[in-house]
Protein backbone atom coordinates (compact mmCIF):
# COMPACT_ATOMS: atom_id res chain seq x y z
CA MET A 1 60.89 9.40 51.12
CA TYR A 2 59.39 11.98 53.48
CA PRO A 3 61.96 14.78 54.05
CA THR A 4 61.82 16.46 57.45
CA ASP A 5 63.68 19.73 56.77
CA SER A 6 63.75 20.19 53.02
CA PHE A 7 61.65 21.77 50.28
CA TYR A 8 62.69 19.12 47.77
CA ASN A 9 62.48 15.37 47.35
CA GLY A 10 63.56 14.22 43.91
CA LEU A 11 66.19 15.08 41.31
CA LYS A 12 68.39 18.12 40.70
CA LEU A 13 70.69 18.50 37.69
CA ASP A 14 73.37 21.20 37.34
CA VAL A 15 75.04 21.76 33.96
CA LYS A 16 77.89 24.22 33.34
CA ASN A 17 79.21 25.12 29.90
CA GLY A 18 81.65 28.02 29.73
CA SER A 19 79.94 31.23 30.86
CA PHE A 20 76.50 29.60 30.98
CA GLY A 21 74.93 27.29 33.52
CA GLU A 22 71.60 25.49 33.63
CA ARG A 23 69.76 23.91 36.54
CA PHE A 24 66.76 21.57 36.50
CA TYR A 25 64.54 20.37 39.36
CA TYR A 26 61.92 17.71 39.79
CA SER A 27 60.54 17.19 43.29
CA GLU A 28 57.66 15.08 44.56
CA LYS A 29 56.94 15.39 48.26
CA LYS A 30 54.24 13.30 49.92
CA TYR A 31 52.24 13.99 53.06
CA SER A 32 49.69 11.82 54.85
CA SER A 33 46.89 12.67 52.39
CA ALA A 34 48.52 15.16 50.03
CA LYS A 35 51.22 15.43 47.40
CA LYS A 36 53.22 18.45 46.18
CA ILE A 37 55.06 18.35 42.85
CA PHE A 38 57.57 21.00 41.82
CA ILE A 39 59.13 21.35 38.36
CA GLY A 40 61.63 24.12 37.75
CA SER A 41 64.65 25.28 35.79
CA GLY A 42 67.03 28.19 35.59
CA VAL A 43 69.75 29.68 33.40
CA VAL A 44 72.68 31.77 34.64
CA PHE A 45 75.35 33.74 32.77
CA LYS A 46 78.72 34.62 34.33
CA LYS A 47 81.33 36.85 32.75
CA ARG A 48 84.10 38.51 34.73
CA GLY A 49 82.36 40.53 37.45
CA LEU A 50 78.80 40.11 36.14
CA THR A 51 76.29 37.38 36.94
CA ALA A 52 72.73 37.37 35.59
CA GLY A 53 70.08 34.70 35.64
CA ILE A 54 66.44 33.78 35.18
CA SER A 55 64.49 30.93 36.78
CA ALA A 56 60.93 29.61 36.64
CA GLY A 57 58.96 26.87 38.33
CA LEU A 58 55.53 25.36 38.78
CA ASN A 59 54.11 23.90 42.01
CA ASN A 60 51.14 21.54 41.92
CA PHE A 61 49.59 20.78 45.32
CA ASP A 62 46.91 18.08 45.52
CA ASN A 63 45.10 17.25 48.76
CA LEU A 64 41.89 15.26 48.43
CA ASP A 65 39.54 17.64 46.58
CA VAL A 66 41.89 20.65 46.71
CA VAL A 67 44.25 21.36 43.79
CA ASP A 68 46.48 24.44 43.93
CA LYS A 69 48.85 25.46 41.12
CA ARG A 70 51.37 28.32 41.52
CA PHE A 71 53.75 29.56 38.83
CA THR A 72 56.89 31.45 39.84
CA VAL A 73 59.50 33.36 37.88
CA GLY A 74 62.59 35.24 39.06
CA LEU A 75 65.33 37.50 37.70
CA ASN A 76 68.64 37.94 39.53
CA PHE A 77 71.97 39.71 39.06
CA LYS A 78 75.30 40.39 40.78
CA ILE A 79 78.02 42.91 39.94
CA GLU A 80 81.29 42.73 41.85
CA ASN A 81 84.88 43.88 41.91
CA LYS A 82 87.75 43.63 44.42
CA LEU A 83 86.26 46.17 46.84
CA SER A 84 82.48 45.96 46.50
CA SER A 85 79.51 44.06 45.15
CA ILE A 86 75.82 44.65 44.57
CA ALA A 87 73.24 41.93 44.00
CA GLY A 88 69.50 41.68 43.66
CA GLU A 89 66.54 39.56 42.69
CA TYR A 90 62.93 40.16 41.68
CA ALA A 91 60.51 37.25 41.87
CA SER A 92 56.82 36.86 41.16
CA VAL A 93 54.34 34.28 42.44
CA GLU A 94 50.99 34.43 40.66
CA GLN A 95 51.53 38.16 39.97
CA SER A 96 52.60 38.95 43.58
CA GLY A 97 56.13 40.31 43.64
CA GLY A 98 59.15 40.23 45.94
CA LEU A 99 62.33 42.35 45.75
CA PHE A 100 65.72 41.79 47.41
CA LEU A 101 68.86 43.96 47.19
CA LYS A 102 72.25 43.53 48.84
CA GLY A 103 75.34 45.75 48.84
CA LEU A 104 78.75 44.79 50.24
CA ARG A 105 81.85 46.97 50.71
CA TRP A 106 85.27 45.75 51.80
CA PHE A 107 87.79 47.95 53.61
CA ASP A 108 91.31 47.21 54.83
CA ASP A 109 90.19 45.58 58.08
CA MET A 110 86.39 45.57 57.89
CA ALA A 111 83.41 44.73 55.67
CA ILE A 112 79.96 46.32 55.74
CA SER A 113 76.89 44.73 54.15
CA THR A 114 73.37 46.11 53.75
CA GLU A 115 70.26 44.17 52.73
CA PHE A 116 66.76 45.35 51.83
CA TRP A 117 63.70 43.26 51.04
CA ARG A 118 60.03 43.87 50.32
CA TYR A 119 57.33 41.30 49.56
CA SER A 120 53.70 41.66 48.53
CA ASP A 121 50.97 40.54 50.90
CA ASN A 122 50.14 37.50 48.74
CA PHE A 123 53.72 36.39 48.13
CA ASN A 124 53.06 32.83 49.32
CA ASN A 125 55.58 30.58 47.63
CA TYR A 126 55.92 26.87 48.45
CA ASN A 127 59.66 26.90 47.69
CA CYS A 128 60.79 30.39 48.70
CA SER A 129 63.91 30.80 50.85
CA GLY A 130 64.34 34.51 50.16
CA PRO A 131 65.81 36.75 52.88
CA SER A 132 63.38 37.68 55.65
CA ALA A 133 63.09 37.76 59.41
CA THR A 134 62.86 34.48 61.32
CA ASP A 135 59.21 34.93 62.31
CA TYR A 136 56.58 33.62 59.91
CA SER A 137 52.91 32.99 59.26
CA SER A 138 51.34 30.11 57.31
CA PHE A 139 49.09 29.83 54.29
CA TYR A 140 46.55 27.06 53.66
CA PRO A 141 45.87 26.31 49.97
CA GLY A 142 42.17 26.00 49.30
CA GLY A 143 41.34 26.49 52.98
CA GLN A 144 42.28 22.90 53.91
CA GLU A 145 44.13 22.01 57.15
CA LEU A 146 47.65 21.40 55.77
CA GLY A 147 49.62 24.67 55.96
CA PHE A 148 52.96 25.93 54.66
CA ARG A 149 55.28 28.47 56.25
CA SER A 150 55.47 31.87 54.62
CA ALA A 151 58.16 34.05 56.19
CA GLN A 152 58.20 36.59 53.38
CA ALA A 153 54.57 37.57 52.62
CA GLY A 154 53.82 41.22 53.41
CA GLU A 155 57.22 41.91 54.97
CA THR A 156 59.56 44.88 54.45
CA GLY A 157 62.96 44.76 56.10
CA LEU A 158 66.47 46.16 56.37
CA ALA A 159 69.62 44.50 57.73
CA VAL A 160 73.11 45.93 58.35
CA ASN A 161 76.14 43.84 59.28
CA PHE A 162 79.68 44.89 60.30
CA THR A 163 82.46 42.28 60.17
CA ARG A 164 86.08 42.45 61.29
CA ARG A 165 88.57 39.63 61.64
CA TYR A 166 87.22 38.13 64.88
CA LEU A 167 83.94 40.01 65.30
CA SER A 168 80.61 40.32 63.49
CA ILE A 169 77.75 42.60 64.60
CA GLY A 170 74.40 42.73 62.84
CA PHE A 171 71.12 44.59 63.19
CA GLN A 172 67.82 43.73 61.52
CA PHE A 173 64.58 45.73 61.34
CA TRP A 174 61.33 44.66 59.68
CA ARG A 175 57.60 45.32 59.62
CA GLN A 176 54.56 43.46 58.35
CA SER A 177 52.17 45.34 56.05
CA TYR A 178 49.24 44.84 58.44
CA GLU A 179 51.15 46.17 61.48
CA ARG A 180 52.61 49.50 62.50
CA GLN A 181 55.17 48.13 64.91
CA VAL A 182 58.77 47.79 63.70
CA LYS A 183 60.42 44.63 65.01
CA SER A 184 64.15 44.18 65.51
CA SER A 185 66.90 41.67 66.20
CA PHE A 186 70.56 41.86 67.21
CA ASN A 187 73.29 39.38 66.25
CA LEU A 188 76.78 39.14 67.77
CA ARG A 189 79.36 36.62 66.57
CA LEU A 190 82.87 36.21 68.01
CA PHE A 191 85.68 34.17 66.44
CA GLY A 192 88.77 33.21 68.42
CA ARG A 193 91.87 31.05 68.16
CA LEU A 194 92.52 29.39 71.52
CA LYS A 195 95.73 27.67 70.39
CA ASP A 196 97.61 27.30 67.12
CA ASN A 197 95.33 24.49 65.98
CA LEU A 198 92.23 25.11 68.14
CA SER A 199 89.58 27.74 67.38
CA ALA A 200 86.13 28.62 68.72
CA VAL A 201 83.06 30.64 67.75
CA PHE A 202 80.39 32.19 69.98
CA GLN A 203 77.11 33.62 68.70
CA THR A 204 74.09 35.26 70.32
CA VAL A 205 70.88 36.46 68.65
CA SER A 206 68.10 38.43 70.35
CA MET A 207 64.78 39.17 68.63
CA PHE A 208 61.91 41.33 69.82
CA LYS A 209 58.48 40.81 68.28
CA ASP A 210 55.34 42.41 69.68
CA GLN A 211 55.49 41.58 73.39
CA ASN A 212 57.27 38.29 72.71
CA SER A 213 60.99 37.69 72.27
CA TYR A 214 63.61 34.98 71.93
CA LEU A 215 67.24 34.55 72.91
CA TRP A 216 69.60 32.25 71.01
CA LEU A 217 73.09 31.35 72.26
CA ARG A 218 75.49 28.87 70.68
CA THR A 219 79.17 27.99 70.54
CA GLY A 220 81.44 25.59 68.64
CA PHE A 221 85.04 24.34 68.59
CA TRP A 222 87.34 23.33 65.71
CA GLN A 223 90.78 21.70 65.64
CA ASP A 224 92.85 22.01 62.45
CA GLU A 225 89.70 23.28 60.67
CA ARG A 226 87.82 20.10 61.64
CA PRO A 227 84.92 20.42 64.10
CA LEU A 228 85.26 18.89 67.55
CA LEU A 229 81.91 20.23 68.71
CA LYS A 230 80.04 21.81 65.81
CA ARG A 231 77.26 23.48 67.79
CA CYS A 232 76.10 23.63 71.39
CA GLY A 233 73.57 26.06 72.81
CA PHE A 234 69.94 26.87 73.42
CA LYS A 235 67.07 28.87 71.97
CA LEU A 236 64.48 30.29 74.36
CA TYR A 237 61.12 31.79 73.38
CA PHE A 238 59.36 34.06 75.90
CA ASN A 239 55.72 35.17 76.02
CA GLU A 240 54.44 38.58 77.07
CA ASN A 241 54.77 37.57 80.76
CA ALA A 242 58.48 36.73 80.28
CA LYS A 243 57.76 33.01 80.73
CA ILE A 244 59.47 30.37 78.60
CA ILE A 245 57.30 28.78 75.89
CA GLY A 246 58.10 25.10 76.44
CA ASN A 247 56.98 23.55 73.14
CA ARG A 248 59.14 26.01 71.12
CA SER A 249 62.21 26.48 73.35
CA TYR A 250 65.02 23.93 73.18
CA SER A 251 68.66 23.17 73.86
CA TYR A 252 70.80 21.39 71.30
CA ILE A 253 74.16 19.76 70.71
CA ASP A 254 75.71 18.81 67.37
CA PHE A 255 78.76 16.55 67.02
CA LEU A 256 80.53 15.91 63.72
CA TYR A 257 83.51 13.61 63.21
CA GLY A 258 85.44 13.46 59.95
CA LEU A 259 87.74 10.72 58.62
CA GLU A 260 90.47 11.89 56.20
CA GLY A 261 88.08 14.26 54.46
CA GLN A 262 86.00 11.42 52.99
CA LEU A 263 83.53 10.35 55.68
CA ASN A 264 81.72 12.62 58.11
CA ILE A 265 79.54 11.16 60.86
CA PHE A 266 77.21 13.42 62.82
CA LEU A 267 74.93 13.22 65.83
CA LYS A 268 72.44 15.94 66.74
CA LEU A 269 70.13 16.22 69.72
CA ARG A 270 67.41 18.86 70.13
CA ASN A 271 65.75 18.71 73.55
CA TYR A 272 62.59 20.81 74.00
CA SER A 273 61.65 22.42 77.30
CA ASP A 274 58.37 20.49 77.46
CA GLY A 275 60.30 17.20 77.63
CA LYS A 276 60.18 16.12 73.98
CA ALA A 277 63.39 15.43 72.06
CA ARG A 278 64.47 15.10 68.44
CA TRP A 279 67.49 12.93 67.49
CA PHE A 280 69.45 13.07 64.24
CA PHE A 281 71.98 10.42 63.15
CA GLY A 282 73.72 10.62 59.80
CA GLU A 283 76.74 10.39 57.56
CA GLU A 284 78.24 12.18 54.56
CA LEU A 285 80.45 10.05 52.30
CA ASN A 286 82.60 11.66 49.58
CA LEU A 287 83.89 9.07 47.11
CA THR A 288 86.87 9.60 44.80
CA ASN A 289 84.76 9.29 41.64
CA GLY A 290 82.78 12.43 42.47
CA ILE A 291 79.82 10.73 44.18
CA ASN A 292 78.54 12.15 47.47
CA ILE A 293 76.13 10.11 49.59
CA ASN A 294 74.25 11.63 52.53
CA ALA A 295 71.97 9.62 54.80
CA GLU A 296 70.05 10.79 57.87
CA VAL A 297 67.80 9.10 60.42
CA VAL A 298 65.47 11.38 62.41
CA ILE A 299 63.70 10.16 65.56
CA PHE A 300 60.86 12.50 66.53
CA LYS A 301 57.26 11.31 66.82
CA GLY A 302 58.34 8.18 64.94
CA LYS A 303 61.32 7.47 62.68
CA LYS A 304 62.13 9.04 59.30
CA VAL A 305 65.00 8.40 56.87
CA ASN A 306 66.41 10.91 54.36
CA LEU A 307 68.86 10.10 51.56
CA LYS A 308 70.67 12.37 49.09
CA ILE A 309 73.04 11.23 46.33
CA GLU A 310 75.11 13.66 44.22
CA LYS A 311 77.31 12.91 41.21
CA LEU A 312 79.83 15.46 39.94
CA LEU A 313 80.32 15.15 36.18
């Protein structure tokens, strides 16, 4: 298996016993001349409004004569009640740290959330999905040609989001340690019910980075809580001369059809401005004995197949 949009390719086991939960990972992802193995586990404790956990993992990357090992460890918590919550995590990758905090407050007709994050310059984690801005750089273990995205390294950011029943407005500000400029993005999301059983969502995101920017627009429609058109929109990247960057900008459409809550069939098309396209075909099957089977075929510079099987015990 060669996953196209996933950190993992292997086995995950979740175990819950009263207030405690354990999670175990084993992933082996292959590339043309390299292999990356990840082994990890975590323990979480939940009691009333308190959640606390610890996790650790080891990545082993092997590419020809280059071997790179990175050990990670993280501590997380969440405290919540009916009106508010606060959560956070501290993680370390080879003695380079990252911190994330989030506060949420509910009011009668509105919710306000605030997020803060800060990562060390060398916080380059193969498996990190911690909060950060959508821009990223890459790191190259051992100086070889195969690189990995690192959206978090060296970044400090703040995000504020206001949500009412049919409206969500968000602002995000961040800065890299090697730059003085503060970058920003704006997010607007509208929810609406067109008829008793028909609803729609509209979202726009604008980001400004250096002299470049991007604009993202999308919409979707649901009938009786089942998607008719899950997503439809476009994402445009502009250079400093306000011209569209063709190999990054694309339009997309995402259909999903469900049968009695057991079988979902989806079709996705991403069409880039330079003429290239990426097709996704797949299904999600939920069986009565607690087994979920997901299969996906991706056509982009060749054909790739992904498969995921879950069993609920």
